[in-house]
Amino acid sequence: MADEDGYFGEAVAAGYDASSAEMFEAGVVGPAVDLLAELAGGGRALELGVGTGRIALPLARRGIEVHGIDMSRAMVERLRAKPGGDAVGVTIGDFATTRVDGSFSVAYLVFNTIMNLTSQDTQVECFRNAADHLEPGGCFVVEVVVPDLRRLPPGQDAVPFRVEDGRLGFDLYDVATQAMSSHHVRVPEDGRATYLTVPFRYVWPAELDLMARLAGLRPRERWDGWSREPFTSESRQHVSVWEKPAA
């Protein structure tokens, strides 16, 4: 069950960086920061779901003024404890609706976090919120997986994403509602197993484009990843950029 920090309270925050260690590697973070810094130019950047600062901190070290929104105080405490953590402004709140002062050259939502909003309405609200924060010509960037439904044979609703010693992870899909949930089972050496489940709502690229249009944004780019590889029918994720038209 979620606490006041949503599904990313103290129990998750304490081990979040370690459990997602591959996402903190320079080869993953570097291209993302390169693109976001380019889009920010000399302006400000807004991260929706700033978490422990995986992207915000290195982006701030590039000289970009970064502000984050996040519901989880426990995650933000980890950000604050890191070198440079005091350079990133943070507002505690739901990133789908929370407003902060000023305008931004780029707003971004990475690592599938758009799916933490578990209804289409809240995802639409998030696009509107991002657009409201952007200055004319500013960009909204989303990194998210392409739903992996081609791996579901008839009668099956589960897809494993991690099977290794001591760890098991699988996603459950409801193709009628686009609801899904990730399930994480960990069995450490002491044998005391833990179980965590987090709800999501998967979303298609074309659906995101329509959400952007409803928010007054227009498509600018879509790539397979941060290194700007072409997006194809075989892509399992995408980085998409929408632009707020200049006045």
Protein backbone atom coordinates (compact mmCIF):
# COMPACT_ATOMS: atom_id res chain seq x y z
CA MET A 1 0.00 0.00 0.00
CA ALA A 2 1.19 3.51 -0.79
CA ASP A 3 2.05 5.94 2.02
CA GLU A 4 1.99 9.74 1.96
CA ASP A 5 4.97 9.63 -0.40
CA GLY A 6 2.98 7.62 -2.92
CA TYR A 7 4.66 4.34 -3.86
CA PHE A 8 8.15 5.77 -3.39
CA GLY A 9 8.35 6.15 0.37
CA GLU A 10 11.26 5.40 2.68
CA ALA A 11 11.33 1.66 1.99
CA VAL A 12 11.81 2.24 -1.76
CA ALA A 13 13.90 5.42 -1.52
CA ALA A 14 16.50 3.76 0.73
CA GLY A 15 17.50 1.31 -1.99
CA TYR A 16 16.36 3.11 -5.13
CA ASP A 17 19.76 4.16 -6.49
CA ALA A 18 21.27 0.72 -5.88
CA SER A 19 18.33 -1.14 -7.42
CA SER A 20 18.48 1.08 -10.52
CA ALA A 21 22.29 1.24 -10.68
CA GLU A 22 22.43 0.64 -14.43
CA MET A 23 20.37 3.80 -14.99
CA PHE A 24 23.00 5.88 -13.14
CA GLU A 25 25.86 4.81 -15.41
CA ALA A 26 27.60 7.59 -17.33
CA GLY A 27 26.71 6.02 -20.67
CA VAL A 28 23.01 6.25 -19.80
CA VAL A 29 22.96 9.60 -18.02
CA GLY A 30 25.36 11.46 -20.32
CA PRO A 31 23.32 11.41 -23.56
CA ALA A 32 20.15 12.39 -21.67
CA VAL A 33 21.87 15.36 -20.04
CA ASP A 34 23.46 16.36 -23.36
CA LEU A 35 20.08 16.56 -25.07
CA LEU A 36 18.31 18.32 -22.21
CA ALA A 37 21.11 20.87 -21.85
CA GLU A 38 20.92 21.56 -25.59
CA LEU A 39 17.16 22.12 -25.40
CA ALA A 40 17.46 24.28 -22.29
CA GLY A 41 20.02 26.56 -23.94
CA GLY A 42 20.47 29.43 -21.53
CA GLY A 43 17.07 28.88 -19.93
CA ARG A 44 15.66 26.92 -17.01
CA ALA A 45 14.75 23.21 -16.85
CA LEU A 46 11.83 21.62 -15.00
CA GLU A 47 11.94 17.94 -14.07
CA LEU A 48 8.62 16.26 -13.33
CA GLY A 49 9.29 13.43 -10.89
CA VAL A 50 12.79 14.57 -9.92
CA GLY A 51 13.35 11.65 -7.52
CA THR A 52 16.88 11.30 -6.16
CA GLY A 53 18.36 13.60 -8.79
CA ARG A 54 19.75 11.10 -11.31
CA ILE A 55 19.29 13.60 -14.17
CA ALA A 56 18.73 16.89 -12.32
CA LEU A 57 22.08 16.91 -10.54
CA PRO A 58 24.36 16.40 -13.57
CA LEU A 59 22.20 18.81 -15.57
CA ALA A 60 22.65 21.44 -12.84
CA ARG A 61 26.40 20.82 -12.96
CA ARG A 62 26.25 21.91 -16.61
CA GLY A 63 25.18 25.34 -15.41
CA ILE A 64 21.46 24.84 -16.10
CA GLU A 65 19.05 26.12 -13.46
CA VAL A 66 16.94 23.08 -12.59
CA HIS A 67 13.74 22.88 -10.58
CA GLY A 68 11.99 19.61 -9.74
CA ILE A 69 8.54 18.50 -8.66
CA ASP A 70 8.08 15.27 -6.71
CA MET A 71 5.54 13.82 -4.32
CA SER A 72 8.05 11.71 -2.38
CA ARG A 73 9.84 13.51 0.45
CA ALA A 74 11.91 10.39 1.02
CA MET A 75 13.30 10.47 -2.53
CA VAL A 76 13.96 14.21 -2.35
CA GLU A 77 15.85 13.76 0.92
CA ARG A 78 18.29 11.50 -0.99
CA LEU A 79 18.70 14.20 -3.63
CA ARG A 80 19.39 16.82 -0.96
CA ALA A 81 22.05 14.63 0.68
CA LYS A 82 24.10 14.34 -2.53
CA PRO A 83 26.85 16.78 -3.56
CA GLY A 84 25.19 19.71 -5.29
CA GLY A 85 21.76 18.75 -3.99
CA ASP A 86 21.13 22.22 -2.67
CA ALA A 87 21.48 23.65 -6.20
CA VAL A 88 18.25 22.02 -7.38
CA GLY A 89 15.03 23.66 -6.26
CA VAL A 90 12.25 21.19 -5.43
CA THR A 91 8.53 21.58 -4.89
CA ILE A 92 6.73 18.73 -3.13
CA GLY A 93 3.54 17.80 -4.95
CA ASP A 94 1.83 15.84 -7.71
CA PHE A 95 3.72 16.64 -10.91
CA ALA A 96 0.51 16.35 -12.96
CA THR A 97 -0.99 19.45 -11.36
CA THR A 98 1.55 21.25 -9.13
CA ARG A 99 2.61 24.69 -10.38
CA VAL A 100 5.89 26.43 -9.66
CA ASP A 101 6.93 30.01 -10.29
CA GLY A 102 8.42 31.18 -13.55
CA SER A 103 8.72 29.70 -17.02
CA PHE A 104 11.10 27.11 -18.45
CA SER A 105 12.88 26.38 -21.70
CA VAL A 106 12.48 22.63 -21.23
CA ALA A 107 10.35 20.35 -19.07
CA TYR A 108 11.10 16.66 -18.95
CA LEU A 109 9.75 13.38 -17.63
CA VAL A 110 12.15 10.40 -17.82
CA PHE A 111 12.51 6.68 -17.04
CA ASN A 112 8.84 5.77 -17.70
CA THR A 113 7.58 8.15 -15.01
CA ILE A 114 4.61 9.26 -17.15
CA MET A 115 3.21 5.78 -16.41
CA ASN A 116 3.16 6.52 -12.67
CA LEU A 117 0.04 8.52 -13.51
CA THR A 118 -2.50 5.72 -13.57
CA SER A 119 -5.34 7.25 -15.57
CA GLN A 120 -5.56 8.86 -18.98
CA ASP A 121 -7.05 11.99 -17.40
CA THR A 122 -4.04 12.54 -15.13
CA GLN A 123 -1.63 11.94 -18.01
CA VAL A 124 -3.50 14.59 -20.04
CA GLU A 125 -3.30 16.94 -17.03
CA CYS A 126 0.44 16.37 -16.89
CA PHE A 127 0.89 17.48 -20.50
CA ARG A 128 -1.19 20.58 -19.81
CA ASN A 129 0.85 21.31 -16.69
CA ALA A 130 4.12 20.95 -18.59
CA ALA A 131 2.84 23.20 -21.40
CA ASP A 132 1.72 25.85 -18.91
CA HIS A 133 5.26 25.99 -17.50
CA LEU A 134 6.96 26.34 -20.88
CA GLU A 135 7.93 29.60 -22.47
CA PRO A 136 7.05 30.01 -26.18
CA GLY A 137 9.40 27.80 -28.17
CA GLY A 138 10.08 25.61 -25.12
CA CYS A 139 10.04 21.81 -25.28
CA PHE A 140 8.50 18.95 -23.30
CA VAL A 141 10.52 15.72 -23.34
CA VAL A 142 9.23 12.27 -22.35
CA GLU A 143 11.23 9.03 -22.13
CA VAL A 144 9.02 5.94 -21.90
CA VAL A 145 8.81 2.33 -23.03
CA VAL A 146 6.70 1.12 -25.91
CA PRO A 147 4.12 -1.30 -24.42
CA ASP A 148 5.52 -4.81 -24.74
CA LEU A 149 2.24 -6.47 -25.71
CA ARG A 150 3.75 -8.46 -28.58
CA ARG A 151 5.25 -10.72 -25.89
CA LEU A 152 1.79 -11.65 -24.61
CA PRO A 153 0.33 -14.82 -26.19
CA PRO A 154 -3.43 -15.38 -25.90
CA GLY A 155 -4.43 -16.07 -22.31
CA GLN A 156 -1.26 -14.62 -20.76
CA ASP A 157 -1.09 -11.29 -18.92
CA ALA A 158 2.40 -11.36 -17.37
CA VAL A 159 5.80 -10.43 -18.86
CA PRO A 160 9.00 -11.04 -16.84
CA PHE A 161 11.59 -8.27 -16.99
CA ARG A 162 14.11 -9.56 -14.43
CA VAL A 163 14.93 -13.14 -13.52
CA GLU A 164 18.18 -13.60 -11.62
CA ASP A 165 19.54 -14.91 -8.34
CA GLY A 166 17.60 -13.33 -5.53
CA ARG A 167 15.45 -11.10 -7.73
CA LEU A 168 12.33 -11.61 -9.79
CA GLY A 169 10.38 -8.91 -11.59
CA PHE A 170 7.36 -9.14 -13.83
CA ASP A 171 4.71 -6.83 -15.27
CA LEU A 172 1.00 -7.61 -15.35
CA TYR A 173 -1.05 -6.07 -18.17
CA ASP A 174 -4.77 -5.40 -18.58
CA VAL A 175 -5.14 -4.72 -22.29
CA ALA A 176 -8.76 -3.57 -21.87
CA THR A 177 -7.89 -0.65 -19.59
CA GLN A 178 -4.14 -0.13 -20.25
CA ALA A 179 -3.60 -0.68 -16.55
CA MET A 180 -0.44 -2.52 -15.57
CA SER A 181 1.52 -3.24 -12.45
CA SER A 182 5.15 -4.08 -11.78
CA HIS A 183 5.91 -6.76 -9.21
CA HIS A 184 9.30 -7.07 -7.51
CA VAL A 185 10.32 -10.05 -5.39
CA ARG A 186 13.70 -10.03 -3.65
CA VAL A 187 15.21 -12.86 -1.63
CA PRO A 188 18.47 -11.70 0.00
CA GLU A 189 21.04 -14.07 1.45
CA ASP A 190 19.35 -14.02 4.85
CA GLY A 191 16.26 -15.48 3.20
CA ARG A 192 13.86 -12.73 4.29
CA ALA A 193 11.94 -12.12 1.09
CA THR A 194 10.36 -8.77 0.24
CA TYR A 195 7.58 -8.03 -2.21
CA LEU A 196 6.67 -4.70 -3.81
CA THR A 197 4.00 -3.90 -6.38
CA VAL A 198 3.56 -0.54 -8.12
CA PRO A 199 0.63 0.40 -10.41
CA PHE A 200 1.14 2.06 -13.79
CA ARG A 201 -0.77 2.96 -16.92
CA TYR A 202 0.99 2.17 -20.18
CA VAL A 203 0.62 4.64 -23.02
CA TRP A 204 1.21 4.49 -26.77
CA PRO A 205 3.31 7.01 -28.76
CA ALA A 206 0.32 8.14 -30.84
CA GLU A 207 -1.69 8.61 -27.65
CA LEU A 208 1.04 10.84 -26.24
CA ASP A 209 0.99 12.89 -29.44
CA LEU A 210 -2.75 13.48 -28.97
CA MET A 211 -2.20 14.49 -25.32
CA ALA A 212 0.42 16.95 -26.53
CA ARG A 213 -1.97 18.39 -29.10
CA LEU A 214 -4.66 18.85 -26.45
CA ALA A 215 -2.09 20.80 -24.42
CA GLY A 216 -1.22 23.05 -27.36
CA LEU A 217 2.10 21.38 -28.15
CA ARG A 218 3.30 20.13 -31.52
CA PRO A 219 5.60 17.19 -32.34
CA ARG A 220 9.25 18.04 -32.86
CA GLU A 221 11.29 14.83 -32.60
CA ARG A 222 10.97 11.16 -31.68
CA TRP A 223 13.98 8.88 -31.29
CA ASP A 224 14.63 5.36 -30.08
CA GLY A 225 16.77 6.75 -27.26
CA TRP A 226 18.80 9.65 -25.94
CA SER A 227 21.56 9.10 -28.51
CA ARG A 228 18.97 10.00 -31.17
CA GLU A 229 18.80 6.67 -32.96
CA PRO A 230 15.85 6.42 -35.38
CA PHE A 231 12.54 5.31 -33.89
CA THR A 232 11.25 2.23 -35.73
CA SER A 233 8.56 -0.42 -35.42
CA GLU A 234 11.10 -2.51 -33.52
CA SER A 235 11.88 0.16 -30.92
CA ARG A 236 11.08 -0.87 -27.37
CA GLN A 237 11.28 2.66 -25.98
CA HIS A 238 11.31 6.23 -27.23
CA VAL A 239 12.39 9.74 -26.36
CA SER A 240 9.82 12.19 -27.70
CA VAL A 241 10.00 15.98 -27.90
CA TRP A 242 7.04 18.34 -28.32
CA GLU A 243 7.35 22.08 -28.74
CA LYS A 244 5.22 24.99 -27.55
CA PRO A 245 4.64 27.25 -30.56
CA ALA A 246 6.19 30.67 -30.40
CA ALA A 247 3.69 33.45 -29.78
